[in-house]
Structure formats: C-alpha cells, structure tokens
Amino acid sequence: MQFFVFNGLLSKQSLEREKSCMHRTWNLWGAIVIYLEVKRIRLKVSSSFAVMSIL
C-alpha cells in the first residue's frame, strides 16, 4: 500500500517534529488512499465480470 511507503520515506526526526500536524492530515490521507484502493478494486472486479460475461 502506498500509504506505508510514504510513511517509510519520512525520517523519524521529521515525523516526531511534525507529528501533531501530520496526525490531522494522516486521517485525511488514509481516507483518500482507502477510497482510491476500493475504487481500484471495484474497477478490477467490474472489468473481470465484463470479461466473464463476454466469454
């Protein structure tokens, strides 16, 4: 998941310093990432169903 990759890119020192600021944006980031993941999975499922119906 991109979320954890992004988390890993930040150094621990900057994370500690920005923790209070990040905590607020983190929830928003999480919501966006989860939304995109769900959308992508739904797209995959619907496309596979379309392929199955054609076959």
PDB file of N, CA and C in Angstrom:
ATOM      1  N   MET A   1       0.839  -1.204   0.000  1.00  0.00           N
ATOM      2  CA  MET A   1       0.000   0.000   0.000  1.00  0.00           C
ATOM      3  C   MET A   1       0.875   1.256   0.000  1.00  0.00           C
ATOM      4  N   GLN A   2       0.517   2.230  -0.810  1.00  0.00           N
ATOM      5  CA  GLN A   2       1.322   3.449  -0.952  1.00  0.00           C
ATOM      6  C   GLN A   2       1.463   4.205   0.368  1.00  0.00           C
ATOM      7  N   PHE A   3       0.426   4.076   1.201  1.00  0.00           N
ATOM      8  CA  PHE A   3       0.375   4.773   2.490  1.00  0.00           C
ATOM      9  C   PHE A   3       1.609   4.472   3.345  1.00  0.00           C
ATOM     10  N   PHE A   4       1.959   3.198   3.444  1.00  0.00           N
ATOM     11  CA  PHE A   4       3.091   2.791   4.272  1.00  0.00           C
ATOM     12  C   PHE A   4       4.421   3.135   3.609  1.00  0.00           C
ATOM     13  N   VAL A   5       4.448   3.137   2.288  1.00  0.00           N
ATOM     14  CA  VAL A   5       5.651   3.545   1.560  1.00  0.00           C
ATOM     15  C   VAL A   5       5.936   5.006   1.851  1.00  0.00           C
ATOM     16  N   PHE A   6       4.899   5.831   1.777  1.00  0.00           N
ATOM     17  CA  PHE A   6       5.006   7.263   2.068  1.00  0.00           C
ATOM     18  C   PHE A   6       5.474   7.483   3.503  1.00  0.00           C
ATOM     19  N   ASN A   7       4.942   6.698   4.418  1.00  0.00           N
ATOM     20  CA  ASN A   7       5.319   6.762   5.831  1.00  0.00           C
ATOM     21  C   ASN A   7       6.796   6.423   6.001  1.00  0.00           C
ATOM     22  N   GLY A   8       7.252   5.397   5.279  1.00  0.00           N
ATOM     23  CA  GLY A   8       8.637   4.950   5.370  1.00  0.00           C
ATOM     24  C   GLY A   8       9.627   5.973   4.829  1.00  0.00           C
ATOM     25  N   LEU A   9       9.195   6.771   3.853  1.00  0.00           N
ATOM     26  CA  LEU A   9      10.077   7.770   3.241  1.00  0.00           C
ATOM     27  C   LEU A   9      10.425   8.899   4.206  1.00  0.00           C
ATOM     28  N   LEU A  10       9.533   9.179   5.128  1.00  0.00           N
ATOM     29  CA  LEU A  10       9.785  10.247   6.110  1.00  0.00           C
ATOM     30  C   LEU A  10      10.772   9.765   7.168  1.00  0.00           C
ATOM     31  N   SER A  11      11.720  10.635   7.507  1.00  0.00           N
ATOM     32  CA  SER A  11      12.669  10.281   8.573  1.00  0.00           C
ATOM     33  C   SER A  11      11.977  10.397   9.923  1.00  0.00           C
ATOM     34  N   LYS A  12      12.479   9.635  10.906  1.00  0.00           N
ATOM     35  CA  LYS A  12      11.828   9.604  12.218  1.00  0.00           C
ATOM     36  C   LYS A  12      11.862  10.969  12.907  1.00  0.00           C
ATOM     37  N   GLN A  13      12.944  11.711  12.747  1.00  0.00           N
ATOM     38  CA  GLN A  13      13.071  13.025  13.382  1.00  0.00           C
ATOM     39  C   GLN A  13      12.008  13.991  12.874  1.00  0.00           C
ATOM     40  N   SER A  14      11.852  14.066  11.554  1.00  0.00           N
ATOM     41  CA  SER A  14      10.856  14.972  10.979  1.00  0.00           C
ATOM     42  C   SER A  14       9.447  14.520  11.362  1.00  0.00           C
ATOM     43  N   LEU A  15       9.268  13.202  11.463  1.00  0.00           N
ATOM     44  CA  LEU A  15       7.969  12.654  11.846  1.00  0.00           C
ATOM     45  C   LEU A  15       7.611  13.085  13.268  1.00  0.00           C
ATOM     46  N   GLU A  16       8.596  13.012  14.169  1.00  0.00           N
ATOM     47  CA  GLU A  16       8.385  13.428  15.558  1.00  0.00           C
ATOM     48  C   GLU A  16       8.038  14.909  15.640  1.00  0.00           C
ATOM     49  N   ARG A  17       8.748  15.707  14.858  1.00  0.00           N
ATOM     50  CA  ARG A  17       8.550  17.158  14.866  1.00  0.00           C
ATOM     51  C   ARG A  17       7.180  17.536  14.319  1.00  0.00           C
ATOM     52  N   GLU A  18       6.758  16.837  13.273  1.00  0.00           N
ATOM     53  CA  GLU A  18       5.512  17.185  12.586  1.00  0.00           C
ATOM     54  C   GLU A  18       4.329  16.320  13.020  1.00  0.00           C
ATOM     55  N   LYS A  19       4.531  15.519  14.051  1.00  0.00           N
ATOM     56  CA  LYS A  19       3.520  14.529  14.451  1.00  0.00           C
ATOM     57  C   LYS A  19       2.140  15.156  14.674  1.00  0.00           C
ATOM     58  N   SER A  20       2.080  16.268  15.403  1.00  0.00           N
ATOM     59  CA  SER A  20       0.795  16.910  15.691  1.00  0.00           C
ATOM     60  C   SER A  20       0.121  17.402  14.410  1.00  0.00           C
ATOM     61  N   CYS A  21       0.920  17.968  13.515  1.00  0.00           N
ATOM     62  CA  CYS A  21       0.395  18.450  12.239  1.00  0.00           C
ATOM     63  C   CYS A  21       0.001  17.263  11.354  1.00  0.00           C
ATOM     64  N   MET A  22       0.872  16.251  11.329  1.00  0.00           N
ATOM     65  CA  MET A  22       0.656  15.085  10.490  1.00  0.00           C
ATOM     66  C   MET A  22      -0.580  14.306  10.922  1.00  0.00           C
ATOM     67  N   HIS A  23      -0.770  14.211  12.239  1.00  0.00           N
ATOM     68  CA  HIS A  23      -1.885  13.423  12.769  1.00  0.00           C
ATOM     69  C   HIS A  23      -3.213  13.876  12.171  1.00  0.00           C
ATOM     70  N   ARG A  24      -3.357  15.183  11.984  1.00  0.00           N
ATOM     71  CA  ARG A  24      -4.588  15.720  11.404  1.00  0.00           C
ATOM     72  C   ARG A  24      -4.710  15.352   9.928  1.00  0.00           C
ATOM     73  N   THR A  25      -3.614  15.484   9.191  1.00  0.00           N
ATOM     74  CA  THR A  25      -3.637  15.188   7.753  1.00  0.00           C
ATOM     75  C   THR A  25      -3.609  13.682   7.493  1.00  0.00           C
ATOM     76  N   TRP A  26      -3.064  12.934   8.465  1.00  0.00           N
ATOM     77  CA  TRP A  26      -2.940  11.465   8.339  1.00  0.00           C
ATOM     78  C   TRP A  26      -4.299  10.818   8.098  1.00  0.00           C
ATOM     79  N   ASN A  27      -5.297  11.226   8.890  1.00  0.00           N
ATOM     80  CA  ASN A  27      -6.641  10.664   8.758  1.00  0.00           C
ATOM     81  C   ASN A  27      -7.197  10.946   7.364  1.00  0.00           C
ATOM     82  N   LEU A  28      -6.945  12.159   6.866  1.00  0.00           N
ATOM     83  CA  LEU A  28      -7.385  12.547   5.531  1.00  0.00           C
ATOM     84  C   LEU A  28      -6.664  11.714   4.477  1.00  0.00           C
ATOM     85  N   TRP A  29      -5.339  11.582   4.635  1.00  0.00           N
ATOM     86  CA  TRP A  29      -4.527  10.768   3.724  1.00  0.00           C
ATOM     87  C   TRP A  29      -5.052   9.336   3.694  1.00  0.00           C
ATOM     88  N   GLY A  30      -5.282   8.777   4.871  1.00  0.00           N
ATOM     89  CA  GLY A  30      -5.785   7.410   4.991  1.00  0.00           C
ATOM     90  C   GLY A  30      -7.110   7.231   4.277  1.00  0.00           C
ATOM     91  N   ALA A  31      -7.994   8.203   4.468  1.00  0.00           N
ATOM     92  CA  ALA A  31      -9.309   8.156   3.831  1.00  0.00           C
ATOM     93  C   ALA A  31      -9.183   8.189   2.313  1.00  0.00           C
ATOM     94  N   ILE A  32      -8.302   9.060   1.807  1.00  0.00           N
ATOM     95  CA  ILE A  32      -8.093   9.181   0.360  1.00  0.00           C
ATOM     96  C   ILE A  32      -7.533   7.887  -0.208  1.00  0.00           C
ATOM     97  N   VAL A  33      -6.513   7.349   0.461  1.00  0.00           N
ATOM     98  CA  VAL A  33      -5.848   6.117  -0.011  1.00  0.00           C
ATOM     99  C   VAL A  33      -6.823   4.948  -0.016  1.00  0.00           C
ATOM    100  N   ILE A  34      -7.575   4.797   1.074  1.00  0.00           N
ATOM    101  CA  ILE A  34      -8.554   3.706   1.176  1.00  0.00           C
ATOM    102  C   ILE A  34      -9.611   3.853   0.079  1.00  0.00           C
ATOM    103  N   TYR A  35     -10.079   5.097  -0.133  1.00  0.00           N
ATOM    104  CA  TYR A  35     -11.069   5.368  -1.176  1.00  0.00           C
ATOM    105  C   TYR A  35     -10.546   4.960  -2.553  1.00  0.00           C
ATOM    106  N   LEU A  36      -9.291   5.339  -2.843  1.00  0.00           N
ATOM    107  CA  LEU A  36      -8.682   5.002  -4.136  1.00  0.00           C
ATOM    108  C   LEU A  36      -8.497   3.496  -4.294  1.00  0.00           C
ATOM    109  N   GLU A  37      -8.070   2.839  -3.216  1.00  0.00           N
ATOM    110  CA  GLU A  37      -7.883   1.379  -3.241  1.00  0.00           C
ATOM    111  C   GLU A  37      -9.210   0.677  -3.535  1.00  0.00           C
ATOM    112  N   VAL A  38     -10.259   1.087  -2.829  1.00  0.00           N
ATOM    113  CA  VAL A  38     -11.586   0.487  -3.008  1.00  0.00           C
ATOM    114  C   VAL A  38     -12.072   0.711  -4.438  1.00  0.00           C
ATOM    115  N   LYS A  39     -11.862   1.934  -4.936  1.00  0.00           N
ATOM    116  CA  LYS A  39     -12.278   2.272  -6.292  1.00  0.00           C
ATOM    117  C   LYS A  39     -11.545   1.398  -7.307  1.00  0.00           C
ATOM    118  N   ARG A  40     -10.235   1.207  -7.085  1.00  0.00           N
ATOM    119  CA  ARG A  40      -9.410   0.412  -7.986  1.00  0.00           C
ATOM    120  C   ARG A  40      -9.848  -1.055  -7.970  1.00  0.00           C
ATOM    121  N   ILE A  41     -10.135  -1.582  -6.776  1.00  0.00           N
ATOM    122  CA  ILE A  41     -10.572  -2.970  -6.630  1.00  0.00           C
ATOM    123  C   ILE A  41     -11.928  -3.162  -7.321  1.00  0.00           C
ATOM    124  N   ARG A  42     -12.831  -2.211  -7.129  1.00  0.00           N
ATOM    125  CA  ARG A  42     -14.157  -2.279  -7.749  1.00  0.00           C
ATOM    126  C   ARG A  42     -14.031  -2.270  -9.266  1.00  0.00           C
ATOM    127  N   LEU A  43     -13.120  -1.436  -9.765  1.00  0.00           N
ATOM    128  CA  LEU A  43     -12.883  -1.342 -11.207  1.00  0.00           C
ATOM    129  C   LEU A  43     -12.397  -2.683 -11.746  1.00  0.00           C
ATOM    130  N   LYS A  44     -11.466  -3.310 -10.997  1.00  0.00           N
ATOM    131  CA  LYS A  44     -10.907  -4.612 -11.376  1.00  0.00           C
ATOM    132  C   LYS A  44     -12.010  -5.674 -11.405  1.00  0.00           C
ATOM    133  N   VAL A  45     -12.833  -5.679 -10.360  1.00  0.00           N
ATOM    134  CA  VAL A  45     -13.915  -6.666 -10.237  1.00  0.00           C
ATOM    135  C   VAL A  45     -14.919  -6.492 -11.371  1.00  0.00           C
ATOM    136  N   SER A  46     -15.322  -5.248 -11.635  1.00  0.00           N
ATOM    137  CA  SER A  46     -16.311  -4.985 -12.685  1.00  0.00           C
ATOM    138  C   SER A  46     -15.757  -5.339 -14.062  1.00  0.00           C
ATOM    139  N   SER A  47     -14.461  -5.062 -14.293  1.00  0.00           N
ATOM    140  CA  SER A  47     -13.842  -5.391 -15.583  1.00  0.00           C
ATOM    141  C   SER A  47     -13.733  -6.905 -15.760  1.00  0.00           C
ATOM    142  N   SER A  48     -13.422  -7.631 -14.686  1.00  0.00           N
ATOM    143  CA  SER A  48     -13.326  -9.093 -14.760  1.00  0.00           C
ATOM    144  C   SER A  48     -14.704  -9.713 -15.004  1.00  0.00           C
ATOM    145  N   PHE A  49     -15.741  -9.110 -14.408  1.00  0.00           N
ATOM    146  CA  PHE A  49     -17.106  -9.586 -14.650  1.00  0.00           C
ATOM    147  C   PHE A  49     -17.505  -9.346 -16.106  1.00  0.00           C
ATOM    148  N   ALA A  50     -17.090  -8.204 -16.646  1.00  0.00           N
ATOM    149  CA  ALA A  50     -17.383  -7.881 -18.050  1.00  0.00           C
ATOM    150  C   ALA A  50     -16.727  -8.900 -18.974  1.00  0.00           C
ATOM    151  N   VAL A  51     -15.476  -9.248 -18.669  1.00  0.00           N
ATOM    152  CA  VAL A  51     -14.739 -10.245 -19.457  1.00  0.00           C
ATOM    153  C   VAL A  51     -15.438 -11.600 -19.368  1.00  0.00           C
ATOM    154  N   MET A  52     -15.881 -11.975 -18.156  1.00  0.00           N
ATOM    155  CA  MET A  52     -16.566 -13.253 -17.946  1.00  0.00           C
ATOM    156  C   MET A  52     -17.883 -13.305 -18.713  1.00  0.00           C
ATOM    157  N   SER A  53     -18.610 -12.204 -18.740  1.00  0.00           N
ATOM    158  CA  SER A  53     -19.889 -12.171 -19.444  1.00  0.00           C
ATOM    159  C   SER A  53     -19.696 -12.264 -20.957  1.00  0.00           C
ATOM    160  N   ILE A  54     -18.578 -11.694 -21.454  1.00  0.00           N
ATOM    161  CA  ILE A  54     -18.266 -11.786 -22.886  1.00  0.00           C
ATOM    162  C   ILE A  54     -17.929 -13.237 -23.238  1.00  0.00           C
ATOM    163  N   LEU A  55     -17.135 -13.905 -22.408  1.00  0.00           N
ATOM    164  CA  LEU A  55     -16.766 -15.309 -22.606  1.00  0.00           C
ATOM    165  C   LEU A  55     -17.935 -16.191 -22.191  1.00  0.00           C
TER     166      LEU A  55
END
